[in-house]
Each structure stands twice: as structure tokens, then as C-alpha cells.
N, C-alpha and C. Protein backbone atom coordinates (compact mmCIF):
# COMPACT_ATOMS: atom_id res chain seq x y z
N MET A 1 15.16 3.69 -28.34
CA MET A 1 13.87 3.70 -28.98
C MET A 1 12.82 4.18 -27.98
N ALA A 2 12.03 5.13 -28.38
CA ALA A 2 11.01 5.70 -27.50
C ALA A 2 9.81 4.76 -27.37
N LEU A 3 9.19 4.80 -26.21
CA LEU A 3 8.01 3.98 -25.97
C LEU A 3 6.77 4.63 -26.57
N ALA A 4 5.85 3.81 -27.05
CA ALA A 4 4.57 4.31 -27.54
C ALA A 4 3.75 4.78 -26.35
N LYS A 5 2.73 5.57 -26.61
CA LYS A 5 1.89 6.13 -25.54
C LYS A 5 1.28 5.00 -24.68
N SER A 6 0.79 3.95 -25.34
CA SER A 6 0.19 2.84 -24.60
C SER A 6 1.22 2.11 -23.75
N GLN A 7 2.45 2.02 -24.23
CA GLN A 7 3.51 1.36 -23.46
C GLN A 7 3.89 2.19 -22.23
N LYS A 8 3.91 3.52 -22.40
CA LYS A 8 4.20 4.41 -21.27
C LYS A 8 3.13 4.27 -20.20
N SER A 9 1.87 4.20 -20.65
CA SER A 9 0.76 4.06 -19.72
C SER A 9 0.86 2.76 -18.94
N LEU A 10 1.17 1.68 -19.64
CA LEU A 10 1.29 0.38 -18.99
C LEU A 10 2.46 0.37 -18.00
N LYS A 11 3.55 1.00 -18.37
CA LYS A 11 4.71 1.07 -17.48
C LYS A 11 4.36 1.83 -16.20
N LYS A 12 3.65 2.95 -16.34
CA LYS A 12 3.23 3.75 -15.18
C LYS A 12 2.27 2.93 -14.31
N TRP A 13 1.34 2.23 -14.95
CA TRP A 13 0.33 1.44 -14.25
C TRP A 13 0.99 0.34 -13.43
N THR A 14 1.99 -0.32 -13.99
CA THR A 14 2.64 -1.42 -13.28
C THR A 14 3.52 -0.94 -12.13
N LYS A 15 3.99 0.30 -12.19
CA LYS A 15 4.82 0.84 -11.10
C LYS A 15 3.99 1.22 -9.87
N GLN A 16 2.69 1.43 -10.07
CA GLN A 16 1.84 1.81 -8.94
C GLN A 16 1.68 0.62 -8.00
N LYS A 17 1.56 0.92 -6.72
CA LYS A 17 1.33 -0.13 -5.73
C LYS A 17 -0.18 -0.31 -5.60
N TRP A 18 -0.69 -1.42 -6.11
CA TRP A 18 -2.12 -1.73 -6.06
C TRP A 18 -2.40 -2.57 -4.83
N ARG A 19 -3.51 -2.26 -4.17
CA ARG A 19 -3.87 -2.99 -2.96
C ARG A 19 -5.36 -2.84 -2.68
N THR A 20 -5.84 -3.53 -1.66
CA THR A 20 -7.22 -3.37 -1.21
C THR A 20 -7.22 -2.37 -0.05
N PRO A 21 -8.37 -1.82 0.29
CA PRO A 21 -8.41 -0.86 1.42
C PRO A 21 -7.91 -1.43 2.75
N SER A 22 -8.15 -2.72 2.98
CA SER A 22 -7.72 -3.32 4.24
C SER A 22 -6.28 -3.84 4.17
N GLY A 23 -5.77 -3.99 2.96
CA GLY A 23 -4.44 -4.55 2.80
C GLY A 23 -4.44 -6.07 2.72
N LYS A 24 -5.62 -6.67 2.85
CA LYS A 24 -5.75 -8.13 2.78
C LYS A 24 -6.13 -8.53 1.36
N LYS A 25 -6.10 -9.81 1.06
CA LYS A 25 -6.44 -10.31 -0.27
C LYS A 25 -7.91 -10.06 -0.58
N SER A 26 -8.17 -9.66 -1.81
CA SER A 26 -9.53 -9.42 -2.25
C SER A 26 -10.37 -10.70 -2.24
N SER A 27 -9.73 -11.82 -2.48
CA SER A 27 -10.45 -13.10 -2.47
C SER A 27 -11.00 -13.43 -1.08
N LYS A 28 -10.37 -12.90 -0.06
CA LYS A 28 -10.82 -13.13 1.32
C LYS A 28 -11.83 -12.07 1.78
N THR A 29 -11.63 -10.82 1.34
CA THR A 29 -12.46 -9.72 1.84
C THR A 29 -13.52 -9.25 0.86
N GLY A 30 -13.33 -9.50 -0.43
CA GLY A 30 -14.28 -9.03 -1.44
C GLY A 30 -14.13 -7.55 -1.75
N GLU A 31 -13.00 -6.97 -1.39
CA GLU A 31 -12.77 -5.54 -1.61
C GLU A 31 -12.18 -5.30 -3.00
N VAL A 32 -12.29 -4.05 -3.46
CA VAL A 32 -11.74 -3.67 -4.75
C VAL A 32 -10.23 -3.43 -4.64
N TYR A 33 -9.55 -3.62 -5.75
CA TYR A 33 -8.14 -3.25 -5.85
C TYR A 33 -8.06 -1.87 -6.46
N ALA A 34 -7.18 -1.05 -5.94
CA ALA A 34 -6.95 0.30 -6.46
C ALA A 34 -5.53 0.71 -6.07
N PRO A 35 -5.00 1.72 -6.73
CA PRO A 35 -3.68 2.22 -6.33
C PRO A 35 -3.71 2.70 -4.87
N ALA A 36 -2.64 2.47 -4.17
CA ALA A 36 -2.56 2.84 -2.75
C ALA A 36 -2.85 4.32 -2.54
N ALA A 37 -2.38 5.18 -3.45
CA ALA A 37 -2.60 6.61 -3.32
C ALA A 37 -4.09 6.95 -3.43
N THR A 38 -4.80 6.25 -4.30
CA THR A 38 -6.25 6.46 -4.45
C THR A 38 -6.98 6.04 -3.19
N ILE A 39 -6.61 4.91 -2.64
CA ILE A 39 -7.25 4.42 -1.42
C ILE A 39 -7.01 5.39 -0.27
N ARG A 40 -5.77 5.86 -0.15
CA ARG A 40 -5.43 6.82 0.91
C ARG A 40 -6.27 8.08 0.77
N LYS A 41 -6.41 8.57 -0.45
CA LYS A 41 -7.18 9.79 -0.70
C LYS A 41 -8.66 9.58 -0.37
N LEU A 42 -9.22 8.43 -0.78
CA LEU A 42 -10.63 8.15 -0.51
C LEU A 42 -10.90 7.99 0.99
N LYS A 43 -9.99 7.37 1.71
CA LYS A 43 -10.17 7.15 3.14
C LYS A 43 -10.08 8.43 3.96
N SER A 44 -9.55 9.49 3.36
CA SER A 44 -9.33 10.73 4.11
C SER A 44 -10.59 11.59 4.25
N THR A 45 -11.64 11.30 3.48
CA THR A 45 -12.86 12.10 3.57
C THR A 45 -14.07 11.19 3.77
N ALA A 46 -15.13 11.75 4.32
CA ALA A 46 -16.36 10.98 4.52
C ALA A 46 -16.97 10.57 3.19
N LYS A 47 -16.96 11.48 2.23
CA LYS A 47 -17.50 11.18 0.90
C LYS A 47 -16.69 10.06 0.24
N GLY A 48 -15.40 10.12 0.40
CA GLY A 48 -14.53 9.09 -0.16
C GLY A 48 -14.76 7.74 0.47
N LYS A 49 -14.96 7.73 1.79
CA LYS A 49 -15.22 6.48 2.50
C LYS A 49 -16.52 5.84 2.03
N SER A 50 -17.54 6.67 1.79
CA SER A 50 -18.82 6.13 1.32
C SER A 50 -18.69 5.62 -0.12
N LYS A 51 -17.90 6.30 -0.93
CA LYS A 51 -17.66 5.86 -2.31
C LYS A 51 -16.92 4.52 -2.31
N LEU A 52 -15.96 4.38 -1.44
CA LEU A 52 -15.20 3.14 -1.31
C LEU A 52 -16.10 2.00 -0.82
N ALA A 53 -16.96 2.30 0.14
CA ALA A 53 -17.89 1.29 0.67
C ALA A 53 -18.86 0.84 -0.42
N ALA A 54 -19.35 1.78 -1.24
CA ALA A 54 -20.27 1.43 -2.33
C ALA A 54 -19.56 0.57 -3.37
N ALA A 55 -18.32 0.89 -3.67
CA ALA A 55 -17.54 0.10 -4.63
C ALA A 55 -17.32 -1.32 -4.11
N ASN A 56 -17.02 -1.44 -2.83
CA ASN A 56 -16.83 -2.77 -2.23
C ASN A 56 -18.12 -3.57 -2.25
N LYS A 57 -19.24 -2.90 -2.01
CA LYS A 57 -20.54 -3.58 -2.04
C LYS A 57 -20.83 -4.12 -3.44
N LYS A 58 -20.57 -3.30 -4.46
CA LYS A 58 -20.79 -3.74 -5.85
C LYS A 58 -19.85 -4.88 -6.20
N LYS A 59 -18.61 -4.81 -5.74
CA LYS A 59 -17.62 -5.85 -6.01
C LYS A 59 -18.07 -7.16 -5.36
N ARG A 60 -18.52 -7.11 -4.13
CA ARG A 60 -18.96 -8.33 -3.44
C ARG A 60 -20.18 -8.94 -4.12
N ALA A 61 -21.11 -8.09 -4.57
CA ALA A 61 -22.31 -8.58 -5.26
C ALA A 61 -21.93 -9.26 -6.57
N ALA A 62 -21.02 -8.68 -7.33
CA ALA A 62 -20.58 -9.27 -8.59
C ALA A 62 -19.85 -10.58 -8.35
N THR A 63 -19.03 -10.62 -7.31
CA THR A 63 -18.30 -11.83 -6.97
C THR A 63 -19.26 -12.95 -6.57
N ALA A 64 -20.30 -12.60 -5.82
CA ALA A 64 -21.29 -13.59 -5.40
C ALA A 64 -22.04 -14.17 -6.59
N LYS A 65 -22.16 -13.40 -7.67
CA LYS A 65 -22.82 -13.88 -8.89
C LYS A 65 -21.86 -14.66 -9.78
N GLY A 66 -20.61 -14.80 -9.35
CA GLY A 66 -19.63 -15.55 -10.11
C GLY A 66 -18.89 -14.74 -11.15
N LYS A 67 -19.01 -13.42 -11.09
CA LYS A 67 -18.33 -12.56 -12.06
C LYS A 67 -16.87 -12.37 -11.65
N GLN A 68 -16.00 -12.30 -12.66
CA GLN A 68 -14.59 -12.07 -12.38
C GLN A 68 -14.31 -10.58 -12.21
N PHE A 69 -15.05 -9.75 -12.96
CA PHE A 69 -14.85 -8.31 -12.92
C PHE A 69 -16.13 -7.63 -12.45
N ALA A 70 -15.98 -6.49 -11.78
CA ALA A 70 -17.13 -5.75 -11.28
C ALA A 70 -17.07 -4.31 -11.77
N SER A 71 -18.21 -3.80 -12.23
CA SER A 71 -18.29 -2.39 -12.61
C SER A 71 -18.66 -1.60 -11.36
N HIS A 72 -17.67 -1.30 -10.56
CA HIS A 72 -17.92 -0.63 -9.29
C HIS A 72 -17.89 0.88 -9.40
N GLY A 73 -17.37 1.41 -10.50
CA GLY A 73 -17.37 2.84 -10.73
C GLY A 73 -16.30 3.63 -10.00
N LEU A 74 -15.42 2.96 -9.33
CA LEU A 74 -14.38 3.67 -8.57
C LEU A 74 -13.42 4.43 -9.49
N HIS A 75 -13.17 3.91 -10.68
CA HIS A 75 -12.24 4.53 -11.60
C HIS A 75 -12.96 5.30 -12.70
N LYS A 76 -14.27 5.40 -12.61
CA LYS A 76 -15.06 6.06 -13.66
C LYS A 76 -14.69 7.53 -13.77
N GLY A 77 -14.51 7.97 -15.01
CA GLY A 77 -14.19 9.37 -15.26
C GLY A 77 -12.72 9.71 -15.11
N ARG A 78 -11.90 8.73 -14.80
CA ARG A 78 -10.47 8.97 -14.64
C ARG A 78 -9.79 8.79 -15.99
N THR A 79 -8.90 9.68 -16.33
CA THR A 79 -8.14 9.51 -17.56
C THR A 79 -7.03 8.51 -17.31
N ARG A 80 -6.76 7.71 -18.28
CA ARG A 80 -5.74 6.67 -18.13
C ARG A 80 -4.64 6.92 -19.11
N ALA A 81 -3.78 7.86 -18.79
CA ALA A 81 -2.68 8.19 -19.69
C ALA A 81 -1.35 7.95 -19.04
């Protein structure tokens, strides 16, 4: 039986290695979680590093306000298929 499009997406999403930029727990550092490949790509350029720093700043601010989720914009504009 073939998987539905949403099931394929979820399967792909779960196979990705998600982590924080430092590799430590987000609860300790306040950093965003993202796929390891995305973090590696962002860390390779100055623009990417500043984007990652801005996302972490937004995440820490949301966490300080007691929010579980933060709209940090790191994944904005990305297709999720």
C-alpha cells in the first residue's frame, strides 16, 4: 500500500537528524532545533550565522515569556514536502 503525501513528508521529517547549533539541549541553551544539514549550511556563511543568531534570540525571548513555540522565521518560505 502506497503512503499518502502527508505520510511521506512525516517519514522524511522523522529521518532527519534534528539538533541545536551547539549540539546541547535547547532547554539549557535556548537555541532553536533544526535539521543538522540546515544548521551546517547556515554556519558556513556570515549571513547564515546572523540568521541563526536572530532565530536563537527570538527563541530565547519567547521562552522567557513562557511560550512553548517561537516564530523565529528560520523555516519561513521553505516548502515542506
